[in-house]
Amino acid sequence: MTMIAKNRIKSAWTPLSNEEANNRIFEERRGLVSKWYQNWSDKQRRRVLEDLLTHSRRRQLELARDIVHDRVPPPRSDFTRVLPRVISLYIFSFLDPTSLSRASQVRWKWGVYGFI
């Protein structure tokens, strides 16, 4: 076995024991995958994302959630649609007349349906 063959017992994708070389190779491959990703179709991107998320641990999933939340804020829901009418009326009962008037300008249906 040649000296090169002895050093190549593992796959070329296997991290090296030399941390500096490992980081350099990782960044090169990361850049390459990023270029590929930009050229993939939506269907291919979805498949890769699904694979990555399936193989991710909780900490990586939490990071992904935070990144997505920052880029795509969750839709805001009208609490009067989610809560029972009695609870919505109870919440509005704490507002003074001026605040009630302002609240009715925020959501037209609140005034129409008798919340305010």
PDB file of N, CA and C in Angstrom:
ATOM      1  N   MET A   1       0.840  -1.158   0.000  1.00  0.00           N
ATOM      2  CA  MET A   1       0.000   0.000   0.000  1.00  0.00           C
ATOM      3  C   MET A   1       0.897   1.235   0.000  1.00  0.00           C
ATOM      4  N   THR A   2       0.585   2.175  -0.883  1.00  0.00           N
ATOM      5  CA  THR A   2       1.396   3.388  -0.965  1.00  0.00           C
ATOM      6  C   THR A   2       1.082   4.306   0.199  1.00  0.00           C
ATOM      7  N   MET A   3       1.920   5.316   0.365  1.00  0.00           N
ATOM      8  CA  MET A   3       1.729   6.274   1.453  1.00  0.00           C
ATOM      9  C   MET A   3       0.407   7.039   1.280  1.00  0.00           C
ATOM     10  N   ILE A   4       0.050   7.388   0.036  1.00  0.00           N
ATOM     11  CA  ILE A   4      -1.199   8.098  -0.222  1.00  0.00           C
ATOM     12  C   ILE A   4      -2.373   7.200   0.135  1.00  0.00           C
ATOM     13  N   ALA A   5      -2.310   5.947  -0.240  1.00  0.00           N
ATOM     14  CA  ALA A   5      -3.391   5.007   0.055  1.00  0.00           C
ATOM     15  C   ALA A   5      -3.562   4.823   1.560  1.00  0.00           C
ATOM     16  N   LYS A   6      -2.464   4.789   2.310  1.00  0.00           N
ATOM     17  CA  LYS A   6      -2.563   4.654   3.766  1.00  0.00           C
ATOM     18  C   LYS A   6      -3.282   5.852   4.377  1.00  0.00           C
ATOM     19  N   ASN A   7      -3.039   7.045   3.830  1.00  0.00           N
ATOM     20  CA  ASN A   7      -3.670   8.254   4.349  1.00  0.00           C
ATOM     21  C   ASN A   7      -5.129   8.379   3.916  1.00  0.00           C
ATOM     22  N   ARG A   8      -5.529   7.587   2.934  1.00  0.00           N
ATOM     23  CA  ARG A   8      -6.888   7.675   2.391  1.00  0.00           C
ATOM     24  C   ARG A   8      -7.699   6.431   2.737  1.00  0.00           C
ATOM     25  N   ILE A   9      -7.601   5.959   3.934  1.00  0.00           N
ATOM     26  CA  ILE A   9      -8.378   4.800   4.348  1.00  0.00           C
ATOM     27  C   ILE A   9      -9.848   5.176   4.444  1.00  0.00           C
ATOM     28  N   LYS A  10     -10.129   6.417   4.843  1.00  0.00           N
ATOM     29  CA  LYS A  10     -11.502   6.888   4.969  1.00  0.00           C
ATOM     30  C   LYS A  10     -11.888   7.693   3.734  1.00  0.00           C
ATOM     31  N   SER A  11     -13.173   7.970   3.614  1.00  0.00           N
ATOM     32  CA  SER A  11     -13.705   8.747   2.501  1.00  0.00           C
ATOM     33  C   SER A  11     -13.098  10.152   2.490  1.00  0.00           C
ATOM     34  N   ALA A  12     -13.062  10.763   1.322  1.00  0.00           N
ATOM     35  CA  ALA A  12     -12.575  12.136   1.211  1.00  0.00           C
ATOM     36  C   ALA A  12     -13.486  13.107   1.951  1.00  0.00           C
ATOM     37  N   TRP A  13     -14.735  12.695   2.221  1.00  0.00           N
ATOM     38  CA  TRP A  13     -15.674  13.556   2.934  1.00  0.00           C
ATOM     39  C   TRP A  13     -15.539  13.434   4.446  1.00  0.00           C
ATOM     40  N   THR A  14     -14.742  12.507   4.906  1.00  0.00           N
ATOM     41  CA  THR A  14     -14.537  12.321   6.338  1.00  0.00           C
ATOM     42  C   THR A  14     -13.712  13.475   6.897  1.00  0.00           C
ATOM     43  N   PRO A  15     -14.148  14.074   7.989  1.00  0.00           N
ATOM     44  CA  PRO A  15     -13.369  15.171   8.575  1.00  0.00           C
ATOM     45  C   PRO A  15     -11.948  14.722   8.933  1.00  0.00           C
ATOM     46  N   LEU A  16     -11.035  15.624   8.762  1.00  0.00           N
ATOM     47  CA  LEU A  16      -9.639  15.341   9.066  1.00  0.00           C
ATOM     48  C   LEU A  16      -9.357  15.568  10.541  1.00  0.00           C
ATOM     49  N   SER A  17      -8.299  14.988  11.023  1.00  0.00           N
ATOM     50  CA  SER A  17      -7.929  15.199  12.425  1.00  0.00           C
ATOM     51  C   SER A  17      -7.301  16.573  12.619  1.00  0.00           C
ATOM     52  N   ASN A  18      -6.814  17.192  11.542  1.00  0.00           N
ATOM     53  CA  ASN A  18      -6.247  18.534  11.596  1.00  0.00           C
ATOM     54  C   ASN A  18      -7.406  19.540  11.526  1.00  0.00           C
ATOM     55  N   GLU A  19      -7.635  20.247  12.632  1.00  0.00           N
ATOM     56  CA  GLU A  19      -8.801  21.135  12.721  1.00  0.00           C
ATOM     57  C   GLU A  19      -8.766  22.255  11.684  1.00  0.00           C
ATOM     58  N   GLU A  20      -7.605  22.831  11.456  1.00  0.00           N
ATOM     59  CA  GLU A  20      -7.493  23.922  10.486  1.00  0.00           C
ATOM     60  C   GLU A  20      -7.842  23.441   9.076  1.00  0.00           C
ATOM     61  N   ALA A  21      -7.309  22.292   8.699  1.00  0.00           N
ATOM     62  CA  ALA A  21      -7.605  21.729   7.380  1.00  0.00           C
ATOM     63  C   ALA A  21      -9.081  21.338   7.295  1.00  0.00           C
ATOM     64  N   ASN A  22      -9.609  20.803   8.375  1.00  0.00           N
ATOM     65  CA  ASN A  22     -11.011  20.421   8.418  1.00  0.00           C
ATOM     66  C   ASN A  22     -11.906  21.647   8.205  1.00  0.00           C
ATOM     67  N   ASN A  23     -11.615  22.754   8.880  1.00  0.00           N
ATOM     68  CA  ASN A  23     -12.406  23.978   8.734  1.00  0.00           C
ATOM     69  C   ASN A  23     -12.332  24.519   7.313  1.00  0.00           C
ATOM     70  N   ARG A  24     -11.155  24.471   6.718  1.00  0.00           N
ATOM     71  CA  ARG A  24     -10.965  24.965   5.351  1.00  0.00           C
ATOM     72  C   ARG A  24     -11.796  24.133   4.369  1.00  0.00           C
ATOM     73  N   ILE A  25     -11.712  22.812   4.509  1.00  0.00           N
ATOM     74  CA  ILE A  25     -12.464  21.915   3.626  1.00  0.00           C
ATOM     75  C   ILE A  25     -13.965  22.103   3.839  1.00  0.00           C
ATOM     76  N   PHE A  26     -14.370  22.249   5.092  1.00  0.00           N
ATOM     77  CA  PHE A  26     -15.787  22.463   5.386  1.00  0.00           C
ATOM     78  C   PHE A  26     -16.305  23.720   4.698  1.00  0.00           C
ATOM     79  N   GLU A  27     -15.555  24.827   4.796  1.00  0.00           N
ATOM     80  CA  GLU A  27     -15.998  26.087   4.182  1.00  0.00           C
ATOM     81  C   GLU A  27     -16.039  25.976   2.659  1.00  0.00           C
ATOM     82  N   GLU A  28     -15.084  25.256   2.075  1.00  0.00           N
ATOM     83  CA  GLU A  28     -15.102  25.047   0.622  1.00  0.00           C
ATOM     84  C   GLU A  28     -16.357  24.278   0.212  1.00  0.00           C
ATOM     85  N   ARG A  29     -16.656  23.225   0.930  1.00  0.00           N
ATOM     86  CA  ARG A  29     -17.813  22.393   0.611  1.00  0.00           C
ATOM     87  C   ARG A  29     -19.117  23.129   0.882  1.00  0.00           C
ATOM     88  N   ARG A  30     -19.122  23.928   1.925  1.00  0.00           N
ATOM     89  CA  ARG A  30     -20.304  24.734   2.244  1.00  0.00           C
ATOM     90  C   ARG A  30     -20.597  25.709   1.109  1.00  0.00           C
ATOM     91  N   GLY A  31     -19.567  26.342   0.596  1.00  0.00           N
ATOM     92  CA  GLY A  31     -19.729  27.258  -0.531  1.00  0.00           C
ATOM     93  C   GLY A  31     -20.221  26.543  -1.775  1.00  0.00           C
ATOM     94  N   LEU A  32     -19.697  25.349  -1.997  1.00  0.00           N
ATOM     95  CA  LEU A  32     -20.109  24.553  -3.155  1.00  0.00           C
ATOM     96  C   LEU A  32     -21.581  24.160  -3.053  1.00  0.00           C
ATOM     97  N   VAL A  33     -21.993  23.692  -1.897  1.00  0.00           N
ATOM     98  CA  VAL A  33     -23.392  23.308  -1.697  1.00  0.00           C
ATOM     99  C   VAL A  33     -24.295  24.534  -1.853  1.00  0.00           C
ATOM    100  N   SER A  34     -23.849  25.684  -1.372  1.00  0.00           N
ATOM    101  CA  SER A  34     -24.632  26.911  -1.507  1.00  0.00           C
ATOM    102  C   SER A  34     -24.838  27.275  -2.978  1.00  0.00           C
ATOM    103  N   LYS A  35     -23.801  27.132  -3.786  1.00  0.00           N
ATOM    104  CA  LYS A  35     -23.922  27.403  -5.228  1.00  0.00           C
ATOM    105  C   LYS A  35     -24.881  26.424  -5.878  1.00  0.00           C
ATOM    106  N   TRP A  36     -24.795  25.151  -5.506  1.00  0.00           N
ATOM    107  CA  TRP A  36     -25.711  24.151  -6.050  1.00  0.00           C
ATOM    108  C   TRP A  36     -27.152  24.510  -5.682  1.00  0.00           C
ATOM    109  N   TYR A  37     -27.348  24.838  -4.420  1.00  0.00           N
ATOM    110  CA  TYR A  37     -28.684  25.129  -3.904  1.00  0.00           C
ATOM    111  C   TYR A  37     -29.339  26.260  -4.691  1.00  0.00           C
ATOM    112  N   GLN A  38     -28.560  27.281  -5.041  1.00  0.00           N
ATOM    113  CA  GLN A  38     -29.098  28.413  -5.791  1.00  0.00           C
ATOM    114  C   GLN A  38     -29.606  27.993  -7.166  1.00  0.00           C
ATOM    115  N   ASN A  39     -29.066  26.939  -7.731  1.00  0.00           N
ATOM    116  CA  ASN A  39     -29.442  26.484  -9.068  1.00  0.00           C
ATOM    117  C   ASN A  39     -30.521  25.396  -9.058  1.00  0.00           C
ATOM    118  N   TRP A  40     -30.887  24.895  -7.895  1.00  0.00           N
ATOM    119  CA  TRP A  40     -31.876  23.834  -7.807  1.00  0.00           C
ATOM    120  C   TRP A  40     -33.283  24.384  -7.963  1.00  0.00           C
ATOM    121  N   SER A  41     -34.192  23.521  -8.391  1.00  0.00           N
ATOM    122  CA  SER A  41     -35.606  23.889  -8.501  1.00  0.00           C
ATOM    123  C   SER A  41     -36.224  23.939  -7.103  1.00  0.00           C
ATOM    124  N   ASP A  42     -37.425  24.478  -7.033  1.00  0.00           N
ATOM    125  CA  ASP A  42     -38.128  24.543  -5.749  1.00  0.00           C
ATOM    126  C   ASP A  42     -38.332  23.149  -5.169  1.00  0.00           C
ATOM    127  N   LYS A  43     -38.685  22.190  -6.019  1.00  0.00           N
ATOM    128  CA  LYS A  43     -38.907  20.814  -5.565  1.00  0.00           C
ATOM    129  C   LYS A  43     -37.624  20.213  -4.979  1.00  0.00           C
ATOM    130  N   GLN A  44     -36.485  20.457  -5.637  1.00  0.00           N
ATOM    131  CA  GLN A  44     -35.206  19.937  -5.131  1.00  0.00           C
ATOM    132  C   GLN A  44     -34.833  20.600  -3.813  1.00  0.00           C
ATOM    133  N   ARG A  45     -35.041  21.901  -3.710  1.00  0.00           N
ATOM    134  CA  ARG A  45     -34.735  22.608  -2.463  1.00  0.00           C
ATOM    135  C   ARG A  45     -35.581  22.073  -1.309  1.00  0.00           C
ATOM    136  N   ARG A  46     -36.853  21.838  -1.574  1.00  0.00           N
ATOM    137  CA  ARG A  46     -37.743  21.316  -0.533  1.00  0.00           C
ATOM    138  C   ARG A  46     -37.287  19.940  -0.047  1.00  0.00           C
ATOM    139  N   ARG A  47     -36.865  19.094  -0.995  1.00  0.00           N
ATOM    140  CA  ARG A  47     -36.402  17.755  -0.619  1.00  0.00           C
ATOM    141  C   ARG A  47     -35.169  17.827   0.268  1.00  0.00           C
ATOM    142  N   VAL A  48     -34.228  18.699  -0.101  1.00  0.00           N
ATOM    143  CA  VAL A  48     -32.999  18.838   0.689  1.00  0.00           C
ATOM    144  C   VAL A  48     -33.322  19.398   2.069  1.00  0.00           C
ATOM    145  N   LEU A  49     -34.173  20.413   2.136  1.00  0.00           N
ATOM    146  CA  LEU A  49     -34.545  20.979   3.435  1.00  0.00           C
ATOM    147  C   LEU A  49     -35.226  19.932   4.310  1.00  0.00           C
ATOM    148  N   GLU A  50     -36.108  19.156   3.711  1.00  0.00           N
ATOM    149  CA  GLU A  50     -36.781  18.103   4.471  1.00  0.00           C
ATOM    150  C   GLU A  50     -35.779  17.080   5.001  1.00  0.00           C
ATOM    151  N   ASP A  51     -34.818  16.701   4.162  1.00  0.00           N
ATOM    152  CA  ASP A  51     -33.786  15.752   4.608  1.00  0.00           C
ATOM    153  C   ASP A  51     -32.971  16.340   5.758  1.00  0.00           C
ATOM    154  N   LEU A  52     -32.562  17.583   5.616  1.00  0.00           N
ATOM    155  CA  LEU A  52     -31.756  18.216   6.661  1.00  0.00           C
ATOM    156  C   LEU A  52     -32.529  18.318   7.968  1.00  0.00           C
ATOM    157  N   LEU A  53     -33.783  18.733   7.884  1.00  0.00           N
ATOM    158  CA  LEU A  53     -34.588  18.862   9.099  1.00  0.00           C
ATOM    159  C   LEU A  53     -34.866  17.504   9.737  1.00  0.00           C
ATOM    160  N   THR A  54     -35.049  16.492   8.922  1.00  0.00           N
ATOM    161  CA  THR A  54     -35.293  15.147   9.444  1.00  0.00           C
ATOM    162  C   THR A  54     -34.088  14.627  10.219  1.00  0.00           C
ATOM    163  N   HIS A  55     -32.896  14.970   9.768  1.00  0.00           N
ATOM    164  CA  HIS A  55     -31.676  14.482  10.407  1.00  0.00           C
ATOM    165  C   HIS A  55     -31.148  15.428  11.493  1.00  0.00           C
ATOM    166  N   SER A  56     -31.833  16.538  11.730  1.00  0.00           N
ATOM    167  CA  SER A  56     -31.361  17.531  12.697  1.00  0.00           C
ATOM    168  C   SER A  56     -31.806  17.191  14.108  1.00  0.00           C
ATOM    169  N   ARG A  57     -31.000  17.633  15.039  1.00  0.00           N
ATOM    170  CA  ARG A  57     -31.336  17.479  16.455  1.00  0.00           C
ATOM    171  C   ARG A  57     -32.137  18.698  16.910  1.00  0.00           C
ATOM    172  N   ARG A  58     -32.618  18.629  18.110  1.00  0.00           N
ATOM    173  CA  ARG A  58     -33.484  19.680  18.649  1.00  0.00           C
ATOM    174  C   ARG A  58     -32.840  21.067  18.572  1.00  0.00           C
ATOM    175  N   ARG A  59     -31.571  21.180  18.924  1.00  0.00           N
ATOM    176  CA  ARG A  59     -30.913  22.495  18.907  1.00  0.00           C
ATOM    177  C   ARG A  59     -30.867  23.083  17.501  1.00  0.00           C
ATOM    178  N   GLN A  60     -30.614  22.235  16.499  1.00  0.00           N
ATOM    179  CA  GLN A  60     -30.598  22.723  15.122  1.00  0.00           C
ATOM    180  C   GLN A  60     -32.011  23.122  14.677  1.00  0.00           C
ATOM    181  N   LEU A  61     -33.004  22.348  15.104  1.00  0.00           N
ATOM    182  CA  LEU A  61     -34.386  22.670  14.747  1.00  0.00           C
ATOM    183  C   LEU A  61     -34.826  23.982  15.389  1.00  0.00           C
ATOM    184  N   GLU A  62     -34.387  24.218  16.624  1.00  0.00           N
ATOM    185  CA  GLU A  62     -34.716  25.476  17.290  1.00  0.00           C
ATOM    186  C   GLU A  62     -34.062  26.653  16.565  1.00  0.00           C
ATOM    187  N   LEU A  63     -32.830  26.472  16.113  1.00  0.00           N
ATOM    188  CA  LEU A  63     -32.151  27.510  15.338  1.00  0.00           C
ATOM    189  C   LEU A  63     -32.905  27.772  14.035  1.00  0.00           C
ATOM    190  N   ALA A  64     -33.300  26.711  13.349  1.00  0.00           N
ATOM    191  CA  ALA A  64     -34.055  26.853  12.101  1.00  0.00           C
ATOM    192  C   ALA A  64     -35.364  27.594  12.349  1.00  0.00           C
ATOM    193  N   ARG A  65     -36.041  27.259  13.440  1.00  0.00           N
ATOM    194  CA  ARG A  65     -37.293  27.944  13.787  1.00  0.00           C
ATOM    195  C   ARG A  65     -37.065  29.430  13.995  1.00  0.00           C
ATOM    196  N   ASP A  66     -36.003  29.790  14.706  1.00  0.00           N
ATOM    197  CA  ASP A  66     -35.705  31.195  14.962  1.00  0.00           C
ATOM    198  C   ASP A  66     -35.370  31.944  13.671  1.00  0.00           C
ATOM    199  N   ILE A  67     -34.612  31.306  12.795  1.00  0.00           N
ATOM    200  CA  ILE A  67     -34.255  31.938  11.520  1.00  0.00           C
ATOM    201  C   ILE A  67     -35.507  32.162  10.680  1.00  0.00           C
ATOM    202  N   VAL A  68     -36.356  31.142  10.608  1.00  0.00           N
ATOM    203  CA  VAL A  68     -37.590  31.260   9.827  1.00  0.00           C
ATOM    204  C   VAL A  68     -38.503  32.321  10.439  1.00  0.00           C
ATOM    205  N   HIS A  69     -38.602  32.341  11.755  1.00  0.00           N
ATOM    206  CA  HIS A  69     -39.460  33.316  12.433  1.00  0.00           C
ATOM    207  C   HIS A  69     -39.000  34.735  12.127  1.00  0.00           C
ATOM    208  N   ASP A  70     -37.686  34.975  12.066  1.00  0.00           N
ATOM    209  CA  ASP A  70     -37.167  36.308  11.765  1.00  0.00           C
ATOM    210  C   ASP A  70     -37.436  36.708  10.312  1.00  0.00           C
ATOM    211  N   ARG A  71     -37.362  35.757   9.403  1.00  0.00           N
ATOM    212  CA  ARG A  71     -37.545  36.051   7.976  1.00  0.00           C
ATOM    213  C   ARG A  71     -39.008  36.051   7.547  1.00  0.00           C
ATOM    214  N   VAL A  72     -39.819  35.204   8.189  1.00  0.00           N
ATOM    215  CA  VAL A  72     -41.239  35.084   7.856  1.00  0.00           C
ATOM    216  C   VAL A  72     -42.025  35.126   9.163  1.00  0.00           C
ATOM    217  N   PRO A  73     -42.395  36.323   9.607  1.00  0.00           N
ATOM    218  CA  PRO A  73     -43.120  36.406  10.874  1.00  0.00           C
ATOM    219  C   PRO A  73     -44.439  35.633  10.805  1.00  0.00           C
ATOM    220  N   PRO A  74     -44.830  35.028  11.916  1.00  0.00           N
ATOM    221  CA  PRO A  74     -46.084  34.267  11.906  1.00  0.00           C
ATOM    222  C   PRO A  74     -47.266  35.201  11.674  1.00  0.00           C
ATOM    223  N   PRO A  75     -48.318  34.703  11.039  1.00  0.00           N
ATOM    224  CA  PRO A  75     -49.489  35.554  10.827  1.00  0.00           C
ATOM    225  C   PRO A  75     -50.118  35.931  12.164  1.00  0.00           C
ATOM    226  N   ARG A  76     -50.558  37.138  12.239  1.00  0.00           N
ATOM    227  CA  ARG A  76     -51.185  37.604  13.482  1.00  0.00           C
ATOM    228  C   ARG A  76     -52.672  37.301  13.408  1.00  0.00           C
ATOM    229  N   SER A  77     -53.186  36.756  14.469  1.00  0.00           N
ATOM    230  CA  SER A  77     -54.601  36.408  14.454  1.00  0.00           C
ATOM    231  C   SER A  77     -55.373  37.365  15.357  1.00  0.00           C
ATOM    232  N   ASP A  78     -56.599  37.576  15.017  1.00  0.00           N
ATOM    233  CA  ASP A  78     -57.508  38.404  15.789  1.00  0.00           C
ATOM    234  C   ASP A  78     -57.960  37.595  17.001  1.00  0.00           C
ATOM    235  N   PHE A  79     -57.630  38.058  18.184  1.00  0.00           N
ATOM    236  CA  PHE A  79     -57.952  37.275  19.383  1.00  0.00           C
ATOM    237  C   PHE A  79     -59.449  37.069  19.543  1.00  0.00           C
ATOM    238  N   THR A  80     -60.272  37.963  18.961  1.00  0.00           N
ATOM    239  CA  THR A  80     -61.719  37.802  19.096  1.00  0.00           C
ATOM    240  C   THR A  80     -62.235  36.637  18.255  1.00  0.00           C
ATOM    241  N   ARG A  81     -61.441  36.187  17.295  1.00  0.00           N
ATOM    242  CA  ARG A  81     -61.820  35.025  16.502  1.00  0.00           C
ATOM    243  C   ARG A  81     -61.413  33.726  17.198  1.00  0.00           C
ATOM    244  N   VAL A  82     -60.405  33.810  18.043  1.00  0.00           N
ATOM    245  CA  VAL A  82     -59.874  32.615  18.704  1.00  0.00           C
ATOM    246  C   VAL A  82     -60.559  32.375  20.043  1.00  0.00           C
ATOM    247  N   LEU A  83     -60.771  33.452  20.791  1.00  0.00           N
ATOM    248  CA  LEU A  83     -61.352  33.324  22.131  1.00  0.00           C
ATOM    249  C   LEU A  83     -62.878  33.332  22.060  1.00  0.00           C
ATOM    250  N   PRO A  84     -63.520  32.746  23.063  1.00  0.00           N
ATOM    251  CA  PRO A  84     -64.982  32.840  23.142  1.00  0.00           C
ATOM    252  C   PRO A  84     -65.411  34.308  23.304  1.00  0.00           C
ATOM    253  N   ARG A  85     -66.602  34.616  22.808  1.00  0.00           N
ATOM    254  CA  ARG A  85     -67.111  35.988  22.839  1.00  0.00           C
ATOM    255  C   ARG A  85     -67.106  36.562  24.255  1.00  0.00           C
ATOM    256  N   VAL A  86     -67.471  35.771  25.240  1.00  0.00           N
ATOM    257  CA  VAL A  86     -67.539  36.239  26.634  1.00  0.00           C
ATOM    258  C   VAL A  86     -66.170  36.732  27.099  1.00  0.00           C
ATOM    259  N   ILE A  87     -65.129  35.996  26.780  1.00  0.00           N
ATOM    260  CA  ILE A  87     -63.776  36.391  27.194  1.00  0.00           C
ATOM    261  C   ILE A  87     -63.330  37.642  26.448  1.00  0.00           C
ATOM    262  N   SER A  88     -63.659  37.737  25.154  1.00  0.00           N
ATOM    263  CA  SER A  88     -63.312  38.937  24.386  1.00  0.00           C
ATOM    264  C   SER A  88     -63.988  40.167  24.991  1.00  0.00           C
ATOM    265  N   LEU A  89     -65.274  40.052  25.344  1.00  0.00           N
ATOM    266  CA  LEU A  89     -65.986  41.172  25.971  1.00  0.00           C
ATOM    267  C   LEU A  89     -65.359  41.533  27.318  1.00  0.00           C
ATOM    268  N   TYR A  90     -64.950  40.517  28.063  1.00  0.00           N
ATOM    269  CA  TYR A  90     -64.299  40.760  29.360  1.00  0.00           C
ATOM    270  C   TYR A  90     -63.011  41.553  29.175  1.00  0.00           C
ATOM    271  N   ILE A  91     -62.216  41.212  28.167  1.00  0.00           N
ATOM    272  CA  ILE A  91     -60.971  41.935  27.897  1.00  0.00           C
ATOM    273  C   ILE A  91     -61.278  43.389  27.549  1.00  0.00           C
ATOM    274  N   PHE A  92     -62.276  43.614  26.679  1.00  0.00           N
ATOM    275  CA  PHE A  92     -62.629  44.983  26.296  1.00  0.00           C
ATOM    276  C   PHE A  92     -63.195  45.783  27.465  1.00  0.00           C
ATOM    277  N   SER A  93     -63.725  45.115  28.473  1.00  0.00           N
ATOM    278  CA  SER A  93     -64.315  45.822  29.617  1.00  0.00           C
ATOM    279  C   SER A  93     -63.278  46.593  30.429  1.00  0.00           C
ATOM    280  N   PHE A  94     -62.010  46.268  30.262  1.00  0.00           N
ATOM    281  CA  PHE A  94     -60.956  46.969  30.993  1.00  0.00           C
ATOM    282  C   PHE A  94     -60.534  48.282  30.322  1.00  0.00           C
ATOM    283  N   LEU A  95     -61.028  48.533  29.126  1.00  0.00           N
ATOM    284  CA  LEU A  95     -60.641  49.740  28.386  1.00  0.00           C
ATOM    285  C   LEU A  95     -61.555  50.906  28.731  1.00  0.00           C
ATOM    286  N   ASP A  96     -60.950  52.102  28.796  1.00  0.00           N
ATOM    287  CA  ASP A  96     -61.741  53.310  29.013  1.00  0.00           C
ATOM    288  C   ASP A  96     -62.398  53.704  27.686  1.00  0.00           C
ATOM    289  N   PRO A  97     -63.355  54.641  27.689  1.00  0.00           N
ATOM    290  CA  PRO A  97     -64.075  54.993  26.453  1.00  0.00           C
ATOM    291  C   PRO A  97     -63.162  55.437  25.297  1.00  0.00           C
ATOM    292  N   THR A  98     -62.122  56.191  25.584  1.00  0.00           N
ATOM    293  CA  THR A  98     -61.212  56.634  24.527  1.00  0.00           C
ATOM    294  C   THR A  98     -60.484  55.445  23.909  1.00  0.00           C
ATOM    295  N   SER A  99     -60.007  54.548  24.741  1.00  0.00           N
ATOM    296  CA  SER A  99     -59.312  53.358  24.247  1.00  0.00           C
ATOM    297  C   SER A  99     -60.260  52.450  23.462  1.00  0.00           C
ATOM    298  N   LEU A 100     -61.519  52.354  23.915  1.00  0.00           N
ATOM    299  CA  LEU A 100     -62.512  51.566  23.186  1.00  0.00           C
ATOM    300  C   LEU A 100     -62.744  52.146  21.794  1.00  0.00           C
ATOM    301  N   SER A 101     -62.811  53.465  21.738  1.00  0.00           N
ATOM    302  CA  SER A 101     -63.008  54.127  20.449  1.00  0.00           C
ATOM    303  C   SER A 101     -61.834  53.849  19.515  1.00  0.00           C
ATOM    304  N   ARG A 102     -60.636  53.919  20.031  1.00  0.00           N
ATOM    305  CA  ARG A 102     -59.446  53.632  19.225  1.00  0.00           C
ATOM    306  C   ARG A 102     -59.418  52.169  18.791  1.00  0.00           C
ATOM    307  N   ALA A 103     -59.803  51.282  19.701  1.00  0.00           N
ATOM    308  CA  ALA A 103     -59.813  49.853  19.365  1.00  0.00           C
ATOM    309  C   ALA A 103     -60.807  49.561  18.252  1.00  0.00           C
ATOM    310  N   SER A 104     -61.936  50.269  18.252  1.00  0.00           N
ATOM    311  CA  SER A 104     -62.931  50.032  17.195  1.00  0.00           C
ATOM    312  C   SER A 104     -62.411  50.490  15.838  1.00  0.00           C
ATOM    313  N   GLN A 105     -61.456  51.419  15.826  1.00  0.00           N
ATOM    314  CA  GLN A 105     -60.859  51.863  14.566  1.00  0.00           C
ATOM    315  C   GLN A 105     -59.822  50.864  14.063  1.00  0.00           C
ATOM    316  N   VAL A 106     -59.278  50.063  14.951  1.00  0.00           N
ATOM    317  CA  VAL A 106     -58.278  49.068  14.561  1.00  0.00           C
ATOM    318  C   VAL A 106     -58.929  47.918  13.809  1.00  0.00           C
ATOM    319  N   ARG A 107     -60.022  47.439  14.327  1.00  0.00           N
ATOM    320  CA  ARG A 107     -60.685  46.278  13.733  1.00  0.00           C
ATOM    321  C   ARG A 107     -62.157  46.612  13.553  1.00  0.00           C
ATOM    322  N   TRP A 108     -62.597  46.787  12.330  1.00  0.00           N
ATOM    323  CA  TRP A 108     -63.953  47.201  12.011  1.00  0.00           C
ATOM    324  C   TRP A 108     -64.986  46.233  12.588  1.00  0.00           C
ATOM    325  N   LYS A 109     -64.715  44.948  12.516  1.00  0.00           N
ATOM    326  CA  LYS A 109     -65.676  43.938  12.966  1.00  0.00           C
ATOM    327  C   LYS A 109     -65.945  44.018  14.466  1.00  0.00           C
ATOM    328  N   TRP A 110     -65.013  44.560  15.221  1.00  0.00           N
ATOM    329  CA  TRP A 110     -65.231  44.644  16.662  1.00  0.00           C
ATOM    330  C   TRP A 110     -66.435  45.538  16.966  1.00  0.00           C
ATOM    331  N   GLY A 111     -66.545  46.619  16.249  1.00  0.00           N
ATOM    332  CA  GLY A 111     -67.680  47.517  16.440  1.00  0.00           C
ATOM    333  C   GLY A 111     -68.969  46.943  15.867  1.00  0.00           C
ATOM    334  N   VAL A 112     -68.904  46.313  14.705  1.00  0.00           N
ATOM    335  CA  VAL A 112     -70.065  45.751  14.028  1.00  0.00           C
ATOM    336  C   VAL A 112     -70.689  44.618  14.826  1.00  0.00           C
ATOM    337  N   TYR A 113     -69.866  43.738  15.372  1.00  0.00           N
ATOM    338  CA  TYR A 113     -70.374  42.580  16.099  1.00  0.00           C
ATOM    339  C   TYR A 113     -70.657  42.870  17.569  1.00  0.00           C
ATOM    340  N   GLY A 114     -70.550  44.110  17.959  1.00  0.00           N
ATOM    341  CA  GLY A 114     -70.929  44.480  19.312  1.00  0.00           C
ATOM    342  C   GLY A 114     -69.874  44.224  20.370  1.00  0.00           C
ATOM    343  N   PHE A 115     -68.615  43.985  19.930  1.00  0.00           N
ATOM    344  CA  PHE A 115     -67.566  43.821  20.943  1.00  0.00           C
ATOM    345  C   PHE A 115     -67.303  45.157  21.630  1.00  0.00           C
ATOM    346  N   ILE A 116     -67.474  46.224  20.858  1.00  0.00           N
ATOM    347  CA  ILE A 116     -67.199  47.566  21.420  1.00  0.00           C
ATOM    348  C   ILE A 116     -68.440  48.408  21.305  1.00  0.00           C
TER     349      ILE A 116
END
